[in-house]
């Protein structure tokens, strides 16, 4: 199983961070970290446009998000982020779904 997540159907978007050519990236990586997590953020060009590639070197997990997916993050409240942190690597429960 490949680590990461990719919502796009474009095969060039499905490459792991280390599989991108240096010319695919725009600008240097931005690194953020604290005692709990460390991430790298890079803008990457694909055939379907720019994506923000967020990778976690410690775990090998990554996600490449398009502008719409990034905007969707701004629509979330603190409860959504708390749920993600409370159940890492698990899908979020969907309100109103059977079994809820």
C-alpha atoms as a PDB file:
ATOM      1  CA  UNK A   1       0.000   0.000   0.000  1.00  0.00           C
ATOM      2  CA  UNK A   2       1.321   3.418  -0.927  1.00  0.00           C
ATOM      3  CA  UNK A   3       1.384   5.965   1.855  1.00  0.00           C
ATOM      4  CA  UNK A   4      -0.530   9.122   1.195  1.00  0.00           C
ATOM      5  CA  UNK A   5      -3.782  10.317  -0.242  1.00  0.00           C
ATOM      6  CA  UNK A   6      -4.627  11.691  -3.624  1.00  0.00           C
ATOM      7  CA  UNK A   7      -8.083  12.718  -4.748  1.00  0.00           C
ATOM      8  CA  UNK A   8      -7.120  13.475  -8.342  1.00  0.00           C
ATOM      9  CA  UNK A   9      -7.413  10.948 -11.168  1.00  0.00           C
ATOM     10  CA  UNK A  10      -4.358  12.434 -12.914  1.00  0.00           C
ATOM     11  CA  UNK A  11      -1.529   9.831 -12.737  1.00  0.00           C
ATOM     12  CA  UNK A  12       1.065  12.606 -12.433  1.00  0.00           C
ATOM     13  CA  UNK A  13      -0.694  13.693  -9.211  1.00  0.00           C
ATOM     14  CA  UNK A  14      -0.348  10.211  -7.689  1.00  0.00           C
ATOM     15  CA  UNK A  15       3.448  10.277  -7.482  1.00  0.00           C
ATOM     16  CA  UNK A  16       4.986  10.168  -4.046  1.00  0.00           C
ATOM     17  CA  UNK A  17       6.942  13.298  -3.093  1.00  0.00           C
ATOM     18  CA  UNK A  18      10.317  11.739  -3.904  1.00  0.00           C
ATOM     19  CA  UNK A  19       9.099  10.691  -7.378  1.00  0.00           C
ATOM     20  CA  UNK A  20       8.604  14.269  -8.606  1.00  0.00           C
ATOM     21  CA  UNK A  21      11.300  15.822 -10.778  1.00  0.00           C
ATOM     22  CA  UNK A  22      12.992  18.903  -9.311  1.00  0.00           C
ATOM     23  CA  UNK A  23      11.396  21.019 -12.046  1.00  0.00           C
ATOM     24  CA  UNK A  24       7.916  19.978 -10.832  1.00  0.00           C
ATOM     25  CA  UNK A  25       8.349  22.051  -7.664  1.00  0.00           C
ATOM     26  CA  UNK A  26       7.927  25.817  -7.395  1.00  0.00           C
ATOM     27  CA  UNK A  27      10.160  27.346  -4.739  1.00  0.00           C
ATOM     28  CA  UNK A  28      11.773  25.779  -1.700  1.00  0.00           C
ATOM     29  CA  UNK A  29      10.044  23.514   0.787  1.00  0.00           C
ATOM     30  CA  UNK A  30       8.586  25.094   3.902  1.00  0.00           C
ATOM     31  CA  UNK A  31       9.178  23.018   7.022  1.00  0.00           C
ATOM     32  CA  UNK A  32       7.082  23.268  10.174  1.00  0.00           C
ATOM     33  CA  UNK A  33       7.404  21.213  13.310  1.00  0.00           C
ATOM     34  CA  UNK A  34       6.910  20.914  17.023  1.00  0.00           C
ATOM     35  CA  UNK A  35       7.211  18.146  19.598  1.00  0.00           C
ATOM     36  CA  UNK A  36       4.220  16.314  18.068  1.00  0.00           C
ATOM     37  CA  UNK A  37       4.679  16.557  14.305  1.00  0.00           C
ATOM     38  CA  UNK A  38       6.941  17.636  11.485  1.00  0.00           C
ATOM     39  CA  UNK A  39       5.762  18.492   7.964  1.00  0.00           C
ATOM     40  CA  UNK A  40       7.110  19.801   4.681  1.00  0.00           C
ATOM     41  CA  UNK A  41       4.949  21.847   2.311  1.00  0.00           C
ATOM     42  CA  UNK A  42       5.746  22.390  -1.370  1.00  0.00           C
ATOM     43  CA  UNK A  43       3.905  23.713  -4.387  1.00  0.00           C
ATOM     44  CA  UNK A  44       4.035  21.168  -7.186  1.00  0.00           C
ATOM     45  CA  UNK A  45       2.930  21.498 -10.813  1.00  0.00           C
ATOM     46  CA  UNK A  46       0.919  18.675 -12.385  1.00  0.00           C
ATOM     47  CA  UNK A  47      -0.902  18.248 -15.680  1.00  0.00           C
ATOM     48  CA  UNK A  48      -4.089  19.268 -13.861  1.00  0.00           C
ATOM     49  CA  UNK A  49      -2.625  22.412 -12.341  1.00  0.00           C
ATOM     50  CA  UNK A  50      -0.851  23.318  -9.138  1.00  0.00           C
ATOM     51  CA  UNK A  51      -1.192  21.265  -5.961  1.00  0.00           C
ATOM     52  CA  UNK A  52       0.063  21.814  -2.439  1.00  0.00           C
ATOM     53  CA  UNK A  53       2.098  18.755  -1.492  1.00  0.00           C
ATOM     54  CA  UNK A  54       2.142  18.241   2.271  1.00  0.00           C
ATOM     55  CA  UNK A  55       4.368  15.437   3.548  1.00  0.00           C
ATOM     56  CA  UNK A  56       5.207  14.090   6.988  1.00  0.00           C
ATOM     57  CA  UNK A  57       8.775  12.738   6.823  1.00  0.00           C
ATOM     58  CA  UNK A  58       8.508  10.795  10.109  1.00  0.00           C
ATOM     59  CA  UNK A  59       5.521   8.728   8.984  1.00  0.00           C
ATOM     60  CA  UNK A  60       5.962   8.822   5.211  1.00  0.00           C
ATOM     61  CA  UNK A  61       2.363  10.046   4.809  1.00  0.00           C
ATOM     62  CA  UNK A  62       1.560  12.731   2.248  1.00  0.00           C
ATOM     63  CA  UNK A  63      -1.323  14.480   0.552  1.00  0.00           C
ATOM     64  CA  UNK A  64      -1.471  16.608  -2.594  1.00  0.00           C
ATOM     65  CA  UNK A  65      -4.356  19.065  -2.428  1.00  0.00           C
ATOM     66  CA  UNK A  66      -5.852  21.197  -5.197  1.00  0.00           C
ATOM     67  CA  UNK A  67      -7.035  24.755  -4.459  1.00  0.00           C
ATOM     68  CA  UNK A  68     -10.645  23.600  -3.914  1.00  0.00           C
ATOM     69  CA  UNK A  69      -9.583  20.950  -1.393  1.00  0.00           C
ATOM     70  CA  UNK A  70      -7.467  23.552   0.408  1.00  0.00           C
ATOM     71  CA  UNK A  71     -10.384  25.970   0.523  1.00  0.00           C
ATOM     72  CA  UNK A  72     -12.549  23.192   1.967  1.00  0.00           C
ATOM     73  CA  UNK A  73     -10.179  23.112   4.954  1.00  0.00           C
ATOM     74  CA  UNK A  74     -11.215  26.693   5.726  1.00  0.00           C
ATOM     75  CA  UNK A  75     -14.860  25.614   5.980  1.00  0.00           C
ATOM     76  CA  UNK A  76     -14.132  23.242   8.885  1.00  0.00           C
ATOM     77  CA  UNK A  77     -14.583  23.968  12.563  1.00  0.00           C
ATOM     78  CA  UNK A  78     -12.471  22.902  15.533  1.00  0.00           C
ATOM     79  CA  UNK A  79     -14.578  19.743  16.019  1.00  0.00           C
ATOM     80  CA  UNK A  80     -13.510  18.377  12.622  1.00  0.00           C
ATOM     81  CA  UNK A  81      -9.819  18.867  13.355  1.00  0.00           C
ATOM     82  CA  UNK A  82     -10.255  17.386  16.852  1.00  0.00           C
ATOM     83  CA  UNK A  83     -11.917  14.323  15.298  1.00  0.00           C
ATOM     84  CA  UNK A  84      -9.026  13.927  12.823  1.00  0.00           C
ATOM     85  CA  UNK A  85      -6.452  14.151  15.609  1.00  0.00           C
ATOM     86  CA  UNK A  86      -8.452  11.807  17.837  1.00  0.00           C
ATOM     87  CA  UNK A  87      -8.555   9.059  15.191  1.00  0.00           C
ATOM     88  CA  UNK A  88      -5.425   9.394  13.041  1.00  0.00           C
ATOM     89  CA  UNK A  89      -5.303   7.331   9.835  1.00  0.00           C
ATOM     90  CA  UNK A  90      -9.058   6.622  10.073  1.00  0.00           C
ATOM     91  CA  UNK A  91     -11.847   8.096   7.951  1.00  0.00           C
ATOM     92  CA  UNK A  92     -13.989  10.759   9.568  1.00  0.00           C
ATOM     93  CA  UNK A  93     -17.497   9.680  10.480  1.00  0.00           C
ATOM     94  CA  UNK A  94     -20.138  11.254   8.273  1.00  0.00           C
ATOM     95  CA  UNK A  95     -23.092  12.857  10.046  1.00  0.00           C
ATOM     96  CA  UNK A  96     -26.364  11.147   9.258  1.00  0.00           C
ATOM     97  CA  UNK A  97     -24.644   8.056   7.832  1.00  0.00           C
ATOM     98  CA  UNK A  98     -26.144   4.642   8.677  1.00  0.00           C
ATOM     99  CA  UNK A  99     -24.864   3.440  12.035  1.00  0.00           C
ATOM    100  CA  UNK A 100     -24.265   6.979  13.254  1.00  0.00           C
END
